Amino acid sequence: MAIEQDVLVIGGGIAGLTAAISAAREGASVRLVSYKETTLRHASGLIDLLGYTPDGEGPLEDPYDALETLPADHPYRLLGEARVREGMATFDEITGDRYRGEHTDANALVPTFGGTVKPTARYPAGAAAGLASDPRSTLFVGIERVPDFEPSIAADRLAAVGVPFDTSAATVEFPIPLRDDAKKTRFAHLLDANETVDGAGEGVRRALAETVKPHLGDAERVGFPAILGQDHPAEVRDDLASALGADVFEVPMGPPNLPGLRLESLLYDALEAAGGRFEVGSPVVSYSADGEVIEQVAIDRSGQEIPMTAEQYVLATGGLESDGIGATREQVTEPLFDCHVPQPADRYDWFEDDVFGDHAFARFGVDVAADLRPQTADGDPEFGNLRAAGGVVGNYDYAAQKCGSGVSIATGHGAGQRAAEDATQ
């Protein structure tokens, strides 16, 4: 017997989770299926709405002011500003006090582990004390055996780009000896538990602060790599700040990333609270359709194909990097439903000679209408009960425009809400 629901969301990233939450909040019965764990655990946790225009203008102060300048087929233009704002409001409701930035339309400038400044619309609470617009002097602290944050490089590069604060740097030993290949989550769990340091009679949080104090100087705030707890990050930051007498913030890191893991947990908790169900590790392997209506899909569960039916489907399988869009030397495809992916006929037109050029491949994805239904080459719906969201959608360059999370949230919310409305009417 097939497993039935009103809305079936395929893909478990930020777009799929937002779609599932939005659909469930509209009263639909929802199931999310995902082949792999979400890529959020590799993400910075920053929510970029729009940092740069397609022409490279930026960083943008107010991303909403620039929406009308985007190409007509950009997902934001198709949705319209009101829908984009609705998506961001949904994100704000889900994340509550764990995120900042909801009070303004303006982008914040957040320093990164590489010493760049990134324009972002929403940022974890743990990054709030580190904004580049804040003039307070800053000490960047690295931890031995956390190799992807070199504080002196970050401090020097930020000083070179003219941030309005003095920078300094230090690298310290973690108070509890760990293996050279210790995962970031190991550091986070020790700080969560405030494990006692052998022979010191004090918790690891205060011990870490004591190792940093000799380097503090006149610094009014301290930036640590993003390892300050997985379950209790606010408590860890508060304890460190109290012991140091300076504000504490986390610097967004490369993968795997604790802020991304925390966001993943928030989204799954919100889906469960809304009554949605999810299944990770079971890829969708086939589908059947009656003309322009998808009747059912099949997932592979431990080698057995299990049919699933729904009134409406949301495709949120990601882009090229997530295999939601496939590519060979001859063509680019959407491998699950074989939706149309616009592309130059000549493969050599997929890219530019300049590494930072306007590459066509960066915009590859399914072509959607304003209602987020994938379209054929003739502009007709591929299927009447299929919508797409996130990286699988084409016609925008998320890396150059710094808009990947924003597009995922806006299209996820729009696709989930509309799917639920159609399924339950």
Protein backbone atom coordinates (compact mmCIF):
# COMPACT_ATOMS: atom_id res chain seq x y z
CA MET A 1 0.00 0.00 0.00
CA ALA A 2 1.30 3.45 -0.90
CA ILE A 3 2.10 5.98 1.82
CA GLU A 4 -0.23 8.95 1.31
CA GLN A 5 -0.06 12.62 2.21
CA ASP A 6 -1.29 15.96 0.85
CA VAL A 7 2.19 17.30 0.07
CA LEU A 8 5.40 15.36 -0.50
CA VAL A 9 8.61 17.42 -0.38
CA ILE A 10 11.65 15.84 -2.02
CA GLY A 11 14.89 17.23 -0.59
CA GLY A 12 15.95 18.14 2.92
CA GLY A 13 17.95 21.35 2.60
CA ILE A 14 16.80 24.77 3.71
CA ALA A 15 14.42 25.03 0.73
CA GLY A 16 12.84 21.63 1.33
CA LEU A 17 12.51 22.16 5.07
CA THR A 18 10.99 25.62 4.59
CA ALA A 19 8.54 24.22 2.02
CA ALA A 20 7.53 21.39 4.34
CA ILE A 21 7.08 23.70 7.33
CA SER A 22 5.05 26.22 5.31
CA ALA A 23 2.82 23.50 3.87
CA ALA A 24 2.24 21.93 7.29
CA ARG A 25 1.38 25.30 8.80
CA GLU A 26 -1.31 25.67 6.12
CA GLY A 27 -2.97 22.52 7.46
CA ALA A 28 -1.71 20.00 4.90
CA SER A 29 -0.44 16.56 5.81
CA VAL A 30 3.24 16.70 4.84
CA ARG A 31 6.10 14.28 4.45
CA LEU A 32 9.67 15.24 3.56
CA VAL A 33 12.01 12.64 2.08
CA SER A 34 15.71 13.20 1.58
CA TYR A 35 18.44 10.95 0.25
CA LYS A 36 21.21 12.56 2.28
CA GLU A 37 21.63 14.59 5.41
CA THR A 38 21.00 18.25 4.74
CA THR A 39 23.86 20.37 3.43
CA LEU A 40 23.07 22.87 6.18
CA ARG A 41 25.68 21.19 8.35
CA HIS A 42 28.27 22.41 5.84
CA ALA A 43 26.86 25.94 5.67
CA SER A 44 27.93 29.06 7.54
CA GLY A 45 24.52 29.60 9.12
CA LEU A 46 24.34 33.08 7.55
CA ILE A 47 21.17 33.88 5.60
CA ASP A 48 22.06 35.90 2.53
CA LEU A 49 19.11 37.64 0.87
CA LEU A 50 20.97 39.60 -1.81
CA GLY A 51 24.49 40.91 -1.42
CA TYR A 52 25.41 41.90 -4.98
CA THR A 53 23.58 42.61 -8.20
CA PRO A 54 24.20 40.43 -11.29
CA ASP A 55 26.49 43.25 -12.52
CA GLY A 56 28.63 42.95 -9.39
CA GLU A 57 27.38 46.10 -7.70
CA GLY A 58 27.64 45.85 -3.94
CA PRO A 59 27.81 45.02 -1.18
CA LEU A 60 24.18 46.16 -1.16
CA GLU A 61 22.94 48.12 1.81
CA ASP A 62 19.25 47.29 1.28
CA PRO A 63 18.62 44.12 -0.76
CA TYR A 64 14.92 44.89 -1.22
CA ASP A 65 15.77 48.12 -3.04
CA ALA A 66 17.65 46.07 -5.65
CA LEU A 67 14.98 43.45 -6.36
CA GLU A 68 13.44 45.42 -9.22
CA THR A 69 16.81 45.65 -10.97
CA LEU A 70 17.15 41.86 -11.24
CA PRO A 71 16.43 40.02 -14.51
CA ALA A 72 12.75 39.19 -15.11
CA ASP A 73 13.37 35.44 -14.75
CA HIS A 74 15.23 35.72 -11.42
CA PRO A 75 13.30 33.83 -8.71
CA TYR A 76 12.86 37.01 -6.65
CA ARG A 77 11.29 38.84 -9.59
CA LEU A 78 8.97 35.92 -10.30
CA LEU A 79 7.81 35.79 -6.68
CA GLY A 80 7.61 39.51 -6.07
CA GLU A 81 8.80 41.44 -3.03
CA ALA A 82 5.77 40.59 -0.89
CA ARG A 83 6.39 36.84 -1.23
CA VAL A 84 10.08 37.28 -0.50
CA ARG A 85 9.21 39.18 2.66
CA GLU A 86 6.71 36.48 3.67
CA GLY A 87 9.43 33.85 3.37
CA MET A 88 11.81 35.84 5.54
CA ALA A 89 9.06 36.46 8.10
CA THR A 90 8.50 32.69 8.28
CA PHE A 91 12.22 32.18 8.88
CA ASP A 92 12.13 34.78 11.66
CA GLU A 93 9.21 33.00 13.34
CA ILE A 94 11.02 29.66 13.18
CA THR A 95 14.35 30.87 14.51
CA GLY A 96 13.13 33.35 17.13
CA ASP A 97 15.91 34.76 19.31
CA ARG A 98 18.51 32.44 17.78
CA TYR A 99 18.92 34.85 14.85
CA ARG A 100 19.31 38.59 14.41
CA GLY A 101 18.59 41.09 11.62
CA GLU A 102 14.80 40.94 11.49
CA HIS A 103 14.48 44.52 12.76
CA THR A 104 15.78 46.10 9.55
CA ASP A 105 15.76 45.72 5.77
CA ALA A 106 19.45 46.57 5.65
CA ASN A 107 22.16 43.95 5.26
CA ALA A 108 24.60 43.42 8.10
CA LEU A 109 28.33 43.06 7.40
CA VAL A 110 29.68 39.94 9.07
CA PRO A 111 33.43 39.11 9.23
CA THR A 112 34.26 35.59 8.06
CA PHE A 113 37.05 33.17 8.90
CA GLY A 114 38.90 34.18 5.71
CA GLY A 115 39.06 37.84 6.68
CA THR A 116 36.34 38.98 4.30
CA VAL A 117 33.20 40.92 5.13
CA LYS A 118 29.96 39.32 3.98
CA PRO A 119 26.65 41.17 3.48
CA THR A 120 23.88 39.11 5.03
CA ALA A 121 20.25 39.66 5.98
CA ARG A 122 20.07 37.32 8.98
CA TYR A 123 22.87 36.03 11.16
CA PRO A 124 23.13 33.77 14.22
CA ALA A 125 22.88 35.46 17.60
CA GLY A 126 26.39 34.22 18.25
CA ALA A 127 27.74 36.48 15.50
CA ALA A 128 25.91 39.62 16.65
CA ALA A 129 28.74 41.12 18.72
CA GLY A 130 31.16 40.80 15.81
CA LEU A 131 29.55 42.94 13.09
CA ALA A 132 32.05 44.85 10.98
CA SER A 133 30.09 48.08 11.46
CA ASP A 134 30.88 47.96 15.19
CA PRO A 135 33.94 50.15 15.96
CA ARG A 136 35.04 48.29 19.11
CA SER A 137 38.56 46.86 19.06
CA THR A 138 38.61 43.13 18.40
CA LEU A 139 40.79 40.16 19.32
CA PHE A 140 40.47 37.12 17.05
CA VAL A 141 41.30 33.87 18.82
CA GLY A 142 42.28 30.64 17.13
CA ILE A 143 42.32 27.22 18.80
CA GLU A 144 45.07 24.71 18.21
CA ARG A 145 43.69 21.69 16.32
CA VAL A 146 40.92 23.80 14.78
CA PRO A 147 42.92 24.27 11.59
CA ASP A 148 40.53 26.19 9.33
CA PHE A 149 40.69 29.43 11.30
CA GLU A 150 43.97 31.31 11.27
CA PRO A 151 43.22 34.42 13.35
CA SER A 152 46.22 36.47 12.24
CA ILE A 153 45.18 36.11 8.58
CA ALA A 154 41.62 37.13 9.39
CA ALA A 155 42.77 40.10 11.48
CA ASP A 156 45.27 41.33 8.89
CA ARG A 157 42.87 41.02 5.96
CA LEU A 158 40.10 42.81 7.79
CA ALA A 159 42.46 45.62 8.72
CA ALA A 160 43.56 45.82 5.07
CA VAL A 161 39.99 46.30 3.80
CA GLY A 162 39.51 49.20 6.21
CA VAL A 163 37.15 47.94 8.92
CA PRO A 164 36.49 50.67 11.52
CA PHE A 165 38.10 48.82 14.43
CA ASP A 166 41.56 47.77 15.57
CA THR A 167 42.33 44.07 15.16
CA SER A 168 44.68 41.70 16.96
CA ALA A 169 45.10 37.92 16.96
CA ALA A 170 46.21 35.01 19.13
CA THR A 171 46.14 31.22 18.97
CA VAL A 172 45.72 29.26 22.20
CA GLU A 173 45.59 25.66 23.34
CA PHE A 174 42.22 24.19 24.24
CA PRO A 175 42.29 23.47 28.01
CA ILE A 176 41.40 19.79 27.57
CA PRO A 177 43.89 17.81 25.43
CA LEU A 178 42.30 16.44 22.26
CA ARG A 179 43.51 14.47 19.25
CA ASP A 180 44.86 16.41 16.29
CA ASP A 181 41.91 15.22 14.19
CA ALA A 182 39.24 16.07 16.78
CA LYS A 183 35.98 17.19 15.19
CA LYS A 184 34.53 20.61 15.86
CA THR A 185 31.56 18.96 17.51
CA ARG A 186 33.92 17.47 20.10
CA PHE A 187 35.04 20.94 21.19
CA ALA A 188 31.41 22.09 21.18
CA HIS A 189 30.20 19.21 23.34
CA LEU A 190 32.95 19.79 25.92
CA LEU A 191 31.96 23.46 26.14
CA ASP A 192 28.27 22.55 26.34
CA ALA A 193 28.92 20.24 29.28
CA ASN A 194 31.50 22.63 30.81
CA GLU A 195 33.71 19.63 31.52
CA THR A 196 36.11 20.00 34.43
CA VAL A 197 39.72 20.49 33.45
CA ASP A 198 42.02 17.89 35.03
CA GLY A 199 43.92 19.32 37.96
CA ALA A 200 42.42 22.79 37.65
CA GLY A 201 39.18 22.29 39.54
CA GLU A 202 37.33 24.55 37.13
CA GLY A 203 35.16 24.17 34.06
CA VAL A 204 36.55 24.29 30.56
CA ARG A 205 34.79 27.57 29.77
CA ARG A 206 36.60 29.54 32.49
CA ALA A 207 39.84 27.71 31.72
CA LEU A 208 39.57 28.74 28.06
CA ALA A 209 38.94 32.33 29.08
CA GLU A 210 42.03 32.28 31.31
CA THR A 211 44.20 31.16 28.37
CA VAL A 212 42.88 34.08 26.31
CA LYS A 213 43.20 36.81 28.97
CA PRO A 214 46.96 37.41 28.54
CA HIS A 215 46.29 38.29 24.87
CA LEU A 216 43.25 40.50 25.47
CA GLY A 217 45.01 43.85 25.78
CA ASP A 218 42.56 46.68 25.05
CA ALA A 219 40.21 44.54 22.99
CA GLU A 220 36.54 45.12 23.81
CA ARG A 221 35.28 42.00 22.08
CA VAL A 222 36.68 38.57 21.24
CA GLY A 223 35.96 36.46 18.17
CA PHE A 224 36.28 32.68 18.49
CA PRO A 225 35.91 30.03 15.80
CA ALA A 226 32.33 28.76 15.65
CA ILE A 227 32.72 25.92 18.16
CA LEU A 228 31.11 27.53 21.20
CA GLY A 229 28.59 24.82 21.97
CA GLN A 230 26.06 22.93 19.89
CA ASP A 231 23.13 22.73 22.31
CA HIS A 232 23.85 25.67 24.66
CA PRO A 233 25.80 28.26 22.62
CA ALA A 234 24.29 31.31 24.34
CA GLU A 235 25.26 29.96 27.75
CA VAL A 236 28.81 29.23 26.58
CA ARG A 237 29.20 32.72 25.12
CA ASP A 238 27.81 34.38 28.25
CA ASP A 239 30.20 32.48 30.51
CA LEU A 240 33.20 33.33 28.36
CA ALA A 241 32.18 36.99 28.15
CA SER A 242 31.74 37.21 31.91
CA ALA A 243 35.15 35.67 32.56
CA LEU A 244 36.89 37.86 29.96
CA GLY A 245 35.10 41.13 30.67
CA ALA A 246 34.54 41.52 26.92
CA ASP A 247 31.77 40.61 24.49
CA VAL A 248 32.21 37.28 22.73
CA PHE A 249 31.15 36.28 19.22
CA GLU A 250 31.66 33.42 16.80
CA VAL A 251 33.32 33.78 13.42
CA PRO A 252 31.48 31.88 10.65
CA MET A 253 33.61 28.95 9.51
CA GLY A 254 34.04 26.48 6.68
CA PRO A 255 32.41 23.04 6.70
CA PRO A 256 31.44 21.29 8.86
CA ASN A 257 29.93 24.20 10.69
CA LEU A 258 28.21 24.35 14.06
CA PRO A 259 25.91 27.30 13.16
CA GLY A 260 24.64 25.25 10.22
CA LEU A 261 24.01 22.26 12.47
CA ARG A 262 22.13 24.46 14.92
CA LEU A 263 19.97 25.85 12.12
CA GLU A 264 19.27 22.34 10.85
CA SER A 265 18.01 21.38 14.32
CA LEU A 266 15.77 24.46 14.51
CA LEU A 267 14.18 23.67 11.14
CA TYR A 268 13.57 20.00 11.88
CA ASP A 269 12.10 20.91 15.27
CA ALA A 270 9.78 23.40 13.57
CA LEU A 271 8.68 20.80 11.02
CA GLU A 272 7.91 18.30 13.76
CA ALA A 273 6.03 20.94 15.77
CA ALA A 274 3.91 21.76 12.70
CA GLY A 275 2.94 18.10 12.35
CA GLY A 276 5.14 17.25 9.39
CA ARG A 277 7.02 13.98 9.04
CA PHE A 278 10.42 13.36 7.51
CA GLU A 279 12.59 10.50 6.37
CA VAL A 280 16.32 10.80 5.67
CA GLY A 281 18.35 8.19 3.76
CA SER A 282 15.66 7.08 1.31
CA PRO A 283 16.16 8.47 -2.21
CA VAL A 284 13.29 8.91 -4.63
CA VAL A 285 14.17 6.56 -7.49
CA SER A 286 11.20 6.70 -9.87
CA TYR A 287 7.80 8.23 -10.53
CA SER A 288 4.67 7.53 -12.51
CA ALA A 289 2.39 10.10 -14.08
CA ASP A 290 -0.92 10.29 -15.88
CA GLY A 291 -0.29 12.91 -18.51
CA GLU A 292 0.59 16.13 -16.72
CA VAL A 293 -0.20 14.83 -13.22
CA ILE A 294 2.30 12.96 -11.05
CA GLU A 295 0.48 10.00 -9.51
CA GLN A 296 3.16 8.62 -7.25
CA VAL A 297 6.88 8.31 -6.61
CA ALA A 298 8.88 5.43 -5.21
CA ILE A 299 11.61 5.67 -2.59
CA ASP A 300 14.37 3.14 -2.07
CA ARG A 301 14.18 1.97 1.53
CA SER A 302 16.94 -0.60 2.19
CA GLY A 303 16.70 -1.99 -1.32
CA GLN A 304 12.91 -2.11 -1.41
CA GLU A 305 10.90 0.35 -3.50
CA ILE A 306 8.14 1.92 -1.41
CA PRO A 307 5.41 3.87 -3.28
CA MET A 308 4.36 7.28 -1.99
CA THR A 309 1.44 9.32 -3.28
CA ALA A 310 0.51 12.94 -2.77
CA GLU A 311 -1.82 15.53 -4.16
CA GLN A 312 1.10 17.92 -4.62
CA TYR A 313 4.87 17.54 -4.89
CA VAL A 314 7.73 19.96 -4.20
CA LEU A 315 11.12 19.35 -5.84
CA ALA A 316 13.90 20.73 -3.61
CA THR A 317 16.85 18.50 -4.47
CA GLY A 318 19.47 21.25 -4.85
CA GLY A 319 21.65 22.33 -7.75
CA LEU A 320 24.75 21.01 -9.46
CA GLU A 321 26.69 20.60 -6.23
CA SER A 322 23.90 18.49 -4.69
CA ASP A 323 23.13 16.38 -7.79
CA GLY A 324 19.67 17.93 -8.03
CA ILE A 325 20.91 19.06 -11.44
CA GLY A 326 23.02 16.60 -13.40
CA ALA A 327 25.56 17.34 -16.11
CA THR A 328 27.52 15.38 -18.69
CA ARG A 329 29.77 16.70 -21.44
CA GLU A 330 26.73 16.83 -23.71
CA GLN A 331 23.84 18.15 -21.66
CA VAL A 332 22.47 19.37 -18.34
CA THR A 333 19.41 17.63 -16.91
CA GLU A 334 17.09 17.45 -13.93
CA PRO A 335 17.44 13.72 -13.26
CA LEU A 336 14.29 12.87 -11.27
CA PHE A 337 11.36 14.23 -13.30
CA ASP A 338 13.38 15.19 -16.40
CA CYS A 339 12.26 18.80 -16.14
CA HIS A 340 13.55 21.19 -18.77
CA VAL A 341 16.87 22.89 -17.92
CA PRO A 342 17.69 25.82 -20.26
CA GLN A 343 21.29 25.73 -21.50
CA PRO A 344 23.40 26.93 -24.41
CA ALA A 345 23.55 24.38 -27.23
CA ASP A 346 27.34 24.70 -27.45
CA ARG A 347 29.05 23.32 -24.34
CA TYR A 348 31.81 25.93 -24.68
CA ASP A 349 29.20 28.60 -24.00
CA TRP A 350 28.50 27.11 -20.58
CA PHE A 351 31.44 29.04 -19.13
CA GLU A 352 33.67 32.08 -19.66
CA ASP A 353 37.46 32.17 -19.94
CA ASP A 354 37.66 34.58 -17.00
CA VAL A 355 37.43 32.57 -13.78
CA PHE A 356 35.30 35.36 -12.28
CA GLY A 357 33.27 35.82 -15.45
CA ASP A 358 29.53 35.55 -15.97
CA HIS A 359 29.34 31.76 -16.27
CA ALA A 360 26.13 30.28 -17.67
CA PHE A 361 26.59 27.07 -15.64
CA ALA A 362 26.22 29.07 -12.40
CA ARG A 363 22.58 29.75 -13.36
CA PHE A 364 21.65 26.22 -14.51
CA GLY A 365 18.42 24.89 -13.07
CA VAL A 366 14.82 24.23 -13.94
CA ASP A 367 12.86 27.09 -15.46
CA VAL A 368 9.87 27.98 -13.27
CA ALA A 369 6.83 30.18 -13.73
CA ALA A 370 5.63 32.72 -11.17
CA ASP A 371 3.74 29.95 -9.36
CA LEU A 372 7.01 27.97 -9.13
CA ARG A 373 5.82 25.19 -11.44
CA PRO A 374 8.67 23.93 -13.65
CA GLN A 375 8.11 24.79 -17.31
CA THR A 376 8.81 22.98 -20.56
CA ALA A 377 10.85 24.62 -23.31
CA ASP A 378 7.51 25.87 -24.71
CA GLY A 379 6.53 27.51 -21.44
CA ASP A 380 3.91 24.96 -20.39
CA PRO A 381 3.85 23.33 -16.93
CA GLU A 382 5.85 20.11 -16.77
CA PHE A 383 3.30 18.74 -14.31
CA GLY A 384 0.28 20.43 -12.83
CA ASN A 385 1.04 19.21 -9.31
CA LEU A 386 4.80 19.84 -9.15
CA ARG A 387 6.62 22.89 -7.84
CA ALA A 388 10.33 23.57 -7.41
CA ALA A 389 12.31 25.43 -4.75
CA GLY A 390 15.89 26.27 -3.86
CA GLY A 391 19.02 25.31 -5.74
CA VAL A 392 17.22 23.20 -8.34
CA VAL A 393 15.64 26.42 -9.65
CA GLY A 394 17.65 28.24 -12.31
CA ASN A 395 18.29 31.77 -13.55
CA TYR A 396 20.30 33.11 -10.63
CA ASP A 397 23.93 32.85 -9.51
CA TYR A 398 23.77 32.26 -5.78
CA ALA A 399 27.55 32.46 -5.25
CA ALA A 400 28.13 35.75 -7.08
CA GLN A 401 24.93 37.42 -5.90
CA LYS A 402 25.12 36.10 -2.32
CA CYS A 403 21.45 35.09 -2.35
CA GLY A 404 21.39 31.30 -2.02
CA SER A 405 19.72 31.03 1.39
CA GLY A 406 17.28 33.83 0.62
CA VAL A 407 16.15 32.23 -2.63
CA SER A 408 15.80 28.87 -0.86
CA ILE A 409 13.66 30.39 1.89
CA ALA A 410 11.50 32.50 -0.44
CA THR A 411 10.89 29.76 -3.02
CA GLY A 412 10.54 27.10 -0.32
CA HIS A 413 7.91 29.12 1.49
CA GLY A 414 6.10 29.97 -1.74
CA ALA A 415 6.17 26.41 -3.08
CA GLY A 416 5.05 24.86 0.20
CA GLN A 417 2.26 27.35 0.80
CA ARG A 418 0.86 27.04 -2.74
CA ALA A 419 1.16 23.25 -2.73
CA ALA A 420 -0.80 23.09 0.52
CA GLU A 421 -3.49 25.41 -0.81
CA ASP A 422 -3.93 23.30 -3.95
CA ALA A 423 -3.87 20.02 -2.01
CA THR A 424 -6.48 20.98 0.56
CA GLN A 425 -8.91 23.12 -1.46
